[in-house]
Amino acid sequence: MIEVEDCAEGVIKYRSGVVTAFHTINYYSYDAPVTIELHCENGLAKMVADRGVVSLKDGREFVADNNPNETFDYGNGAKGYWGVSHVKQINNFYESLNDHSQLHITGEEAMKTQKMICAIYESGKKKERIYL
């Protein structure tokens, strides 16, 4: 068993003035697929399990679906909750070692997300705004 938060919510205001509000939960009464919804100014981006759909207000829709060639078997019938993103990153790492190319997600880019997550935790503990 891994102890994790049951829910989290917050507001992030970017230097550009864009405001993002989020609410997350993981205490479903059934085995629900991972779902992420982003309600944006010009449309909606939604991911359910391994399928992502971006629906724009002008009627255009873009779909990214699970590629059967990019699967990872966790064994013992375990669900692949997080899709194949880790497999893609690991493969990209080895490819970059072989051909000396840049990673799709560099350490510098990953640190931006990590700093934001740490600031969200710090804000909750201190009950005050954190500026990055």
N, C-alpha and C. Protein backbone atom coordinates (compact mmCIF):
# COMPACT_ATOMS: atom_id res chain seq x y z
N MET A 1 0.83 -1.17 0.00
CA MET A 1 0.00 0.00 0.00
C MET A 1 0.89 1.24 0.00
N ILE A 2 0.51 2.21 -0.80
CA ILE A 2 1.22 3.48 -0.87
C ILE A 2 0.29 4.56 -0.35
N GLU A 3 0.74 5.32 0.65
CA GLU A 3 -0.09 6.39 1.17
C GLU A 3 0.05 7.62 0.27
N VAL A 4 -1.08 8.10 -0.21
CA VAL A 4 -1.12 9.30 -1.05
C VAL A 4 -2.31 10.15 -0.64
N GLU A 5 -2.34 11.37 -1.14
CA GLU A 5 -3.46 12.25 -0.87
C GLU A 5 -4.71 11.71 -1.54
N ASP A 6 -5.87 11.93 -0.91
CA ASP A 6 -7.13 11.54 -1.51
C ASP A 6 -7.64 12.62 -2.46
N CYS A 7 -7.29 13.87 -2.15
CA CYS A 7 -7.74 14.96 -3.01
C CYS A 7 -6.80 16.15 -2.86
N ALA A 8 -6.82 17.00 -3.85
CA ALA A 8 -6.02 18.22 -3.82
C ALA A 8 -6.70 19.25 -4.70
N GLU A 9 -6.54 20.51 -4.33
CA GLU A 9 -7.06 21.57 -5.18
C GLU A 9 -6.21 22.81 -4.97
N GLY A 10 -6.22 23.65 -5.96
CA GLY A 10 -5.43 24.86 -5.85
C GLY A 10 -5.61 25.77 -7.04
N VAL A 11 -4.90 26.88 -6.99
CA VAL A 11 -4.92 27.87 -8.05
C VAL A 11 -3.47 28.22 -8.38
N ILE A 12 -3.16 28.25 -9.65
CA ILE A 12 -1.84 28.65 -10.12
C ILE A 12 -2.01 29.86 -11.02
N LYS A 13 -1.30 30.93 -10.72
CA LYS A 13 -1.33 32.11 -11.56
C LYS A 13 0.05 32.28 -12.19
N TYR A 14 0.09 32.28 -13.51
CA TYR A 14 1.34 32.38 -14.25
C TYR A 14 1.71 33.84 -14.46
N ARG A 15 2.98 34.09 -14.73
CA ARG A 15 3.46 35.46 -14.97
C ARG A 15 2.71 36.14 -16.10
N SER A 16 2.23 35.35 -17.05
CA SER A 16 1.51 35.91 -18.20
C SER A 16 0.12 36.41 -17.80
N GLY A 17 -0.32 36.07 -16.59
CA GLY A 17 -1.65 36.44 -16.13
C GLY A 17 -2.66 35.31 -16.23
N VAL A 18 -2.31 34.22 -16.90
CA VAL A 18 -3.21 33.07 -17.01
C VAL A 18 -3.39 32.44 -15.64
N VAL A 19 -4.64 32.13 -15.31
CA VAL A 19 -4.96 31.51 -14.03
C VAL A 19 -5.46 30.09 -14.29
N THR A 20 -4.93 29.14 -13.54
CA THR A 20 -5.34 27.74 -13.63
C THR A 20 -5.86 27.30 -12.28
N ALA A 21 -7.06 26.75 -12.25
CA ALA A 21 -7.60 26.17 -11.03
C ALA A 21 -7.69 24.67 -11.25
N PHE A 22 -7.37 23.88 -10.22
CA PHE A 22 -7.42 22.44 -10.38
C PHE A 22 -8.04 21.79 -9.16
N HIS A 23 -8.62 20.62 -9.42
CA HIS A 23 -9.22 19.79 -8.36
C HIS A 23 -8.96 18.34 -8.76
N THR A 24 -8.41 17.58 -7.86
CA THR A 24 -8.12 16.18 -8.16
C THR A 24 -8.67 15.29 -7.05
N ILE A 25 -9.10 14.09 -7.42
CA ILE A 25 -9.54 13.10 -6.43
C ILE A 25 -9.08 11.72 -6.88
N ASN A 26 -8.94 10.82 -5.94
CA ASN A 26 -8.62 9.43 -6.30
C ASN A 26 -9.37 8.45 -5.41
N TYR A 27 -10.51 8.85 -4.90
CA TYR A 27 -11.27 7.97 -4.01
C TYR A 27 -12.61 7.55 -4.64
N TYR A 28 -12.51 6.95 -5.79
CA TYR A 28 -13.71 6.45 -6.47
C TYR A 28 -14.24 5.21 -5.79
N SER A 29 -15.53 4.96 -5.95
CA SER A 29 -16.15 3.76 -5.38
C SER A 29 -16.08 2.58 -6.36
N TYR A 30 -15.43 2.80 -7.49
CA TYR A 30 -15.25 1.73 -8.48
C TYR A 30 -13.89 1.92 -9.14
N ASP A 31 -13.48 0.98 -9.95
CA ASP A 31 -12.17 1.00 -10.59
C ASP A 31 -12.22 1.93 -11.81
N ALA A 32 -12.20 3.21 -11.57
CA ALA A 32 -12.35 4.22 -12.62
C ALA A 32 -11.05 4.40 -13.39
N PRO A 33 -11.16 4.68 -14.69
CA PRO A 33 -9.95 4.99 -15.45
C PRO A 33 -9.43 6.38 -15.06
N VAL A 34 -8.14 6.58 -15.22
CA VAL A 34 -7.57 7.90 -14.97
C VAL A 34 -8.19 8.87 -15.97
N THR A 35 -8.71 9.99 -15.46
CA THR A 35 -9.36 10.98 -16.30
C THR A 35 -8.79 12.36 -15.99
N ILE A 36 -8.45 13.09 -17.02
CA ILE A 36 -7.97 14.47 -16.88
C ILE A 36 -8.77 15.33 -17.84
N GLU A 37 -9.33 16.43 -17.34
CA GLU A 37 -10.05 17.37 -18.19
C GLU A 37 -9.45 18.76 -18.01
N LEU A 38 -9.20 19.42 -19.11
CA LEU A 38 -8.74 20.80 -19.10
C LEU A 38 -9.76 21.64 -19.85
N HIS A 39 -10.45 22.51 -19.13
CA HIS A 39 -11.43 23.40 -19.74
C HIS A 39 -10.69 24.70 -20.06
N CYS A 40 -10.56 25.00 -21.33
CA CYS A 40 -9.75 26.12 -21.77
C CYS A 40 -10.59 27.17 -22.49
N GLU A 41 -10.00 28.29 -22.75
CA GLU A 41 -10.70 29.40 -23.40
C GLU A 41 -11.27 29.01 -24.76
N ASN A 42 -10.53 28.20 -25.51
CA ASN A 42 -10.96 27.86 -26.87
C ASN A 42 -11.39 26.41 -27.06
N GLY A 43 -11.59 25.69 -25.96
CA GLY A 43 -12.02 24.32 -26.12
C GLY A 43 -11.79 23.48 -24.88
N LEU A 44 -11.84 22.19 -25.07
CA LEU A 44 -11.71 21.22 -23.98
C LEU A 44 -10.70 20.16 -24.39
N ALA A 45 -9.79 19.84 -23.47
CA ALA A 45 -8.85 18.73 -23.67
C ALA A 45 -9.19 17.69 -22.61
N LYS A 46 -9.39 16.46 -23.04
CA LYS A 46 -9.79 15.41 -22.10
C LYS A 46 -9.03 14.13 -22.41
N MET A 47 -8.51 13.52 -21.34
CA MET A 47 -7.83 12.24 -21.46
C MET A 47 -8.55 11.26 -20.55
N VAL A 48 -8.95 10.13 -21.10
CA VAL A 48 -9.54 9.05 -20.33
C VAL A 48 -8.74 7.80 -20.66
N ALA A 49 -8.09 7.26 -19.63
CA ALA A 49 -7.19 6.12 -19.80
C ALA A 49 -6.12 6.50 -20.82
N ASP A 50 -6.02 5.79 -21.93
CA ASP A 50 -4.97 6.05 -22.92
C ASP A 50 -5.45 6.86 -24.11
N ARG A 51 -6.62 7.46 -24.04
CA ARG A 51 -7.17 8.18 -25.18
C ARG A 51 -7.33 9.66 -24.84
N GLY A 52 -6.75 10.51 -25.69
CA GLY A 52 -6.86 11.95 -25.49
C GLY A 52 -7.65 12.59 -26.62
N VAL A 53 -8.52 13.54 -26.28
CA VAL A 53 -9.32 14.24 -27.28
C VAL A 53 -9.27 15.73 -26.97
N VAL A 54 -8.94 16.53 -27.98
CA VAL A 54 -9.00 17.98 -27.87
C VAL A 54 -10.14 18.43 -28.77
N SER A 55 -11.14 19.05 -28.18
CA SER A 55 -12.31 19.55 -28.92
C SER A 55 -12.29 21.07 -28.87
N LEU A 56 -12.13 21.70 -30.02
CA LEU A 56 -12.09 23.15 -30.08
C LEU A 56 -13.48 23.72 -30.31
N LYS A 57 -13.69 24.95 -29.86
CA LYS A 57 -14.99 25.60 -29.99
C LYS A 57 -15.40 25.80 -31.45
N ASP A 58 -14.41 25.82 -32.35
CA ASP A 58 -14.73 26.01 -33.77
C ASP A 58 -15.14 24.70 -34.45
N GLY A 59 -15.25 23.62 -33.66
CA GLY A 59 -15.73 22.35 -34.21
C GLY A 59 -14.63 21.35 -34.54
N ARG A 60 -13.38 21.78 -34.60
CA ARG A 60 -12.29 20.84 -34.88
C ARG A 60 -12.05 19.94 -33.67
N GLU A 61 -11.63 18.71 -33.98
CA GLU A 61 -11.34 17.75 -32.92
C GLU A 61 -10.08 16.98 -33.27
N PHE A 62 -9.23 16.79 -32.29
CA PHE A 62 -7.99 16.05 -32.46
C PHE A 62 -7.98 14.91 -31.47
N VAL A 63 -7.64 13.71 -31.97
CA VAL A 63 -7.69 12.51 -31.12
C VAL A 63 -6.33 11.83 -31.12
N ALA A 64 -5.87 11.47 -29.93
CA ALA A 64 -4.66 10.65 -29.78
C ALA A 64 -5.10 9.40 -29.04
N ASP A 65 -4.98 8.26 -29.70
CA ASP A 65 -5.45 7.02 -29.11
C ASP A 65 -4.28 6.10 -28.82
N ASN A 66 -4.53 5.09 -28.01
CA ASN A 66 -3.51 4.12 -27.63
C ASN A 66 -2.96 3.42 -28.86
N ASN A 67 -1.65 3.39 -28.98
CA ASN A 67 -0.98 2.67 -30.06
C ASN A 67 -0.65 1.27 -29.54
N PRO A 68 -1.22 0.22 -30.13
CA PRO A 68 -0.98 -1.14 -29.63
C PRO A 68 0.49 -1.55 -29.68
N ASN A 69 1.31 -0.84 -30.48
CA ASN A 69 2.74 -1.14 -30.55
C ASN A 69 3.51 -0.50 -29.40
N GLU A 70 2.84 0.33 -28.62
CA GLU A 70 3.50 1.01 -27.51
C GLU A 70 2.80 0.65 -26.20
N THR A 71 2.87 -0.61 -25.85
CA THR A 71 2.23 -1.05 -24.62
C THR A 71 3.28 -1.60 -23.67
N PHE A 72 2.92 -1.65 -22.41
CA PHE A 72 3.81 -2.19 -21.39
C PHE A 72 2.96 -3.08 -20.49
N ASP A 73 3.36 -4.32 -20.35
CA ASP A 73 2.62 -5.27 -19.53
C ASP A 73 3.20 -5.24 -18.11
N TYR A 74 2.41 -4.75 -17.17
CA TYR A 74 2.85 -4.68 -15.78
C TYR A 74 2.76 -6.03 -15.08
N GLY A 75 2.16 -7.01 -15.73
CA GLY A 75 2.08 -8.36 -15.18
C GLY A 75 0.93 -8.55 -14.20
N ASN A 76 0.59 -9.81 -13.97
CA ASN A 76 -0.45 -10.20 -13.01
C ASN A 76 -1.77 -9.48 -13.22
N GLY A 77 -2.09 -9.10 -14.44
CA GLY A 77 -3.35 -8.45 -14.73
C GLY A 77 -3.45 -7.02 -14.24
N ALA A 78 -2.32 -6.42 -13.85
CA ALA A 78 -2.33 -5.04 -13.34
C ALA A 78 -2.66 -4.06 -14.47
N LYS A 79 -3.47 -3.05 -14.12
CA LYS A 79 -3.82 -2.02 -15.09
C LYS A 79 -2.63 -1.13 -15.37
N GLY A 80 -2.52 -0.69 -16.60
CA GLY A 80 -1.50 0.28 -16.97
C GLY A 80 -2.05 1.68 -16.78
N TYR A 81 -2.23 2.11 -15.53
CA TYR A 81 -2.91 3.36 -15.23
C TYR A 81 -2.35 4.57 -15.95
N TRP A 82 -1.10 4.63 -16.13
CA TRP A 82 -0.50 5.86 -16.66
C TRP A 82 -0.13 5.72 -18.12
N GLY A 83 -0.75 4.81 -18.82
CA GLY A 83 -0.51 4.70 -20.25
C GLY A 83 0.92 4.29 -20.54
N VAL A 84 1.45 4.81 -21.60
CA VAL A 84 2.78 4.39 -22.05
C VAL A 84 3.80 5.51 -21.98
N SER A 85 3.47 6.61 -21.32
CA SER A 85 4.39 7.75 -21.32
C SER A 85 5.75 7.39 -20.73
N HIS A 86 5.79 6.57 -19.69
CA HIS A 86 7.08 6.19 -19.12
C HIS A 86 7.88 5.36 -20.11
N VAL A 87 7.21 4.45 -20.80
CA VAL A 87 7.89 3.62 -21.80
C VAL A 87 8.48 4.51 -22.88
N LYS A 88 7.72 5.51 -23.33
CA LYS A 88 8.22 6.41 -24.37
C LYS A 88 9.43 7.20 -23.88
N GLN A 89 9.38 7.66 -22.62
CA GLN A 89 10.50 8.42 -22.09
C GLN A 89 11.74 7.55 -21.93
N ILE A 90 11.56 6.33 -21.46
CA ILE A 90 12.69 5.41 -21.31
C ILE A 90 13.29 5.10 -22.67
N ASN A 91 12.44 4.81 -23.67
CA ASN A 91 12.95 4.54 -25.02
C ASN A 91 13.67 5.75 -25.58
N ASN A 92 13.12 6.95 -25.36
CA ASN A 92 13.76 8.18 -25.83
C ASN A 92 15.13 8.37 -25.17
N PHE A 93 15.24 8.01 -23.90
CA PHE A 93 16.52 8.12 -23.18
C PHE A 93 17.57 7.25 -23.86
N TYR A 94 17.22 5.98 -24.12
CA TYR A 94 18.19 5.08 -24.76
C TYR A 94 18.51 5.51 -26.18
N GLU A 95 17.52 6.00 -26.91
CA GLU A 95 17.77 6.51 -28.27
C GLU A 95 18.73 7.69 -28.23
N SER A 96 18.55 8.58 -27.25
CA SER A 96 19.43 9.75 -27.16
C SER A 96 20.86 9.35 -26.81
N LEU A 97 21.02 8.27 -26.03
CA LEU A 97 22.36 7.77 -25.74
C LEU A 97 23.01 7.22 -27.00
N ASN A 98 22.21 6.51 -27.81
CA ASN A 98 22.75 5.90 -29.03
C ASN A 98 23.12 6.91 -30.10
N ASP A 99 22.24 7.91 -30.31
CA ASP A 99 22.50 8.84 -31.42
C ASP A 99 22.85 10.26 -30.95
N HIS A 100 23.10 10.42 -29.67
CA HIS A 100 23.52 11.70 -29.09
C HIS A 100 22.54 12.83 -29.37
N SER A 101 21.26 12.49 -29.46
CA SER A 101 20.23 13.52 -29.67
C SER A 101 19.73 14.03 -28.33
N GLN A 102 19.00 15.14 -28.37
CA GLN A 102 18.44 15.71 -27.15
C GLN A 102 17.18 14.95 -26.75
N LEU A 103 16.97 14.83 -25.46
CA LEU A 103 15.77 14.19 -24.94
C LEU A 103 14.54 15.02 -25.30
N HIS A 104 13.40 14.36 -25.46
CA HIS A 104 12.15 15.08 -25.70
C HIS A 104 11.81 15.96 -24.50
N ILE A 105 12.02 15.42 -23.30
CA ILE A 105 11.80 16.18 -22.07
C ILE A 105 13.13 16.24 -21.34
N THR A 106 13.75 17.42 -21.36
CA THR A 106 15.06 17.58 -20.73
C THR A 106 14.91 17.67 -19.21
N GLY A 107 16.01 17.52 -18.52
CA GLY A 107 16.01 17.69 -17.08
C GLY A 107 15.53 19.07 -16.67
N GLU A 108 15.93 20.07 -17.45
CA GLU A 108 15.52 21.45 -17.15
C GLU A 108 14.00 21.60 -17.25
N GLU A 109 13.40 21.00 -18.27
CA GLU A 109 11.95 21.07 -18.42
C GLU A 109 11.25 20.30 -17.31
N ALA A 110 11.76 19.14 -16.96
CA ALA A 110 11.15 18.34 -15.90
C ALA A 110 11.22 19.08 -14.55
N MET A 111 12.30 19.82 -14.32
CA MET A 111 12.45 20.56 -13.07
C MET A 111 11.39 21.65 -12.92
N LYS A 112 10.92 22.22 -14.01
CA LYS A 112 9.87 23.24 -13.93
C LYS A 112 8.62 22.65 -13.29
N THR A 113 8.24 21.46 -13.73
CA THR A 113 7.07 20.79 -13.18
C THR A 113 7.32 20.40 -11.73
N GLN A 114 8.50 19.86 -11.44
CA GLN A 114 8.81 19.44 -10.08
C GLN A 114 8.78 20.62 -9.11
N LYS A 115 9.32 21.77 -9.52
CA LYS A 115 9.31 22.96 -8.66
C LYS A 115 7.87 23.42 -8.40
N MET A 116 7.02 23.33 -9.43
CA MET A 116 5.63 23.73 -9.25
C MET A 116 4.93 22.80 -8.25
N ILE A 117 5.16 21.51 -8.37
CA ILE A 117 4.54 20.55 -7.45
C ILE A 117 5.03 20.80 -6.02
N CYS A 118 6.32 21.03 -5.86
CA CYS A 118 6.85 21.32 -4.52
C CYS A 118 6.26 22.61 -3.96
N ALA A 119 6.06 23.62 -4.81
CA ALA A 119 5.47 24.88 -4.36
C ALA A 119 4.01 24.69 -3.94
N ILE A 120 3.28 23.80 -4.62
CA ILE A 120 1.90 23.51 -4.23
C ILE A 120 1.88 22.89 -2.84
N TYR A 121 2.76 21.91 -2.58
CA TYR A 121 2.85 21.32 -1.25
C TYR A 121 3.23 22.37 -0.19
N GLU A 122 4.22 23.18 -0.50
CA GLU A 122 4.67 24.21 0.44
C GLU A 122 3.55 25.20 0.75
N SER A 123 2.81 25.58 -0.27
CA SER A 123 1.70 26.50 -0.08
C SER A 123 0.65 25.90 0.85
N GLY A 124 0.36 24.63 0.68
CA GLY A 124 -0.60 23.96 1.55
C GLY A 124 -0.12 23.88 2.99
N LYS A 125 1.16 23.60 3.18
CA LYS A 125 1.70 23.50 4.54
C LYS A 125 1.73 24.85 5.23
N LYS A 126 2.16 25.89 4.49
CA LYS A 126 2.30 27.22 5.08
C LYS A 126 1.02 28.04 5.03
N LYS A 127 0.06 27.56 4.22
CA LYS A 127 -1.20 28.28 4.01
C LYS A 127 -0.96 29.70 3.53
N GLU A 128 -0.06 29.80 2.55
CA GLU A 128 0.23 31.11 1.94
C GLU A 128 0.66 30.92 0.49
N ARG A 129 0.65 32.00 -0.26
CA ARG A 129 1.07 31.96 -1.65
C ARG A 129 2.57 31.72 -1.75
N ILE A 130 2.94 30.98 -2.76
CA ILE A 130 4.35 30.72 -3.04
C ILE A 130 4.64 31.29 -4.42
N TYR A 131 5.70 32.03 -4.53
CA TYR A 131 6.08 32.65 -5.80
C TYR A 131 7.32 31.96 -6.36
N LEU A 132 7.26 31.59 -7.61
CA LEU A 132 8.42 30.97 -8.29
C LEU A 132 8.99 31.93 -9.30
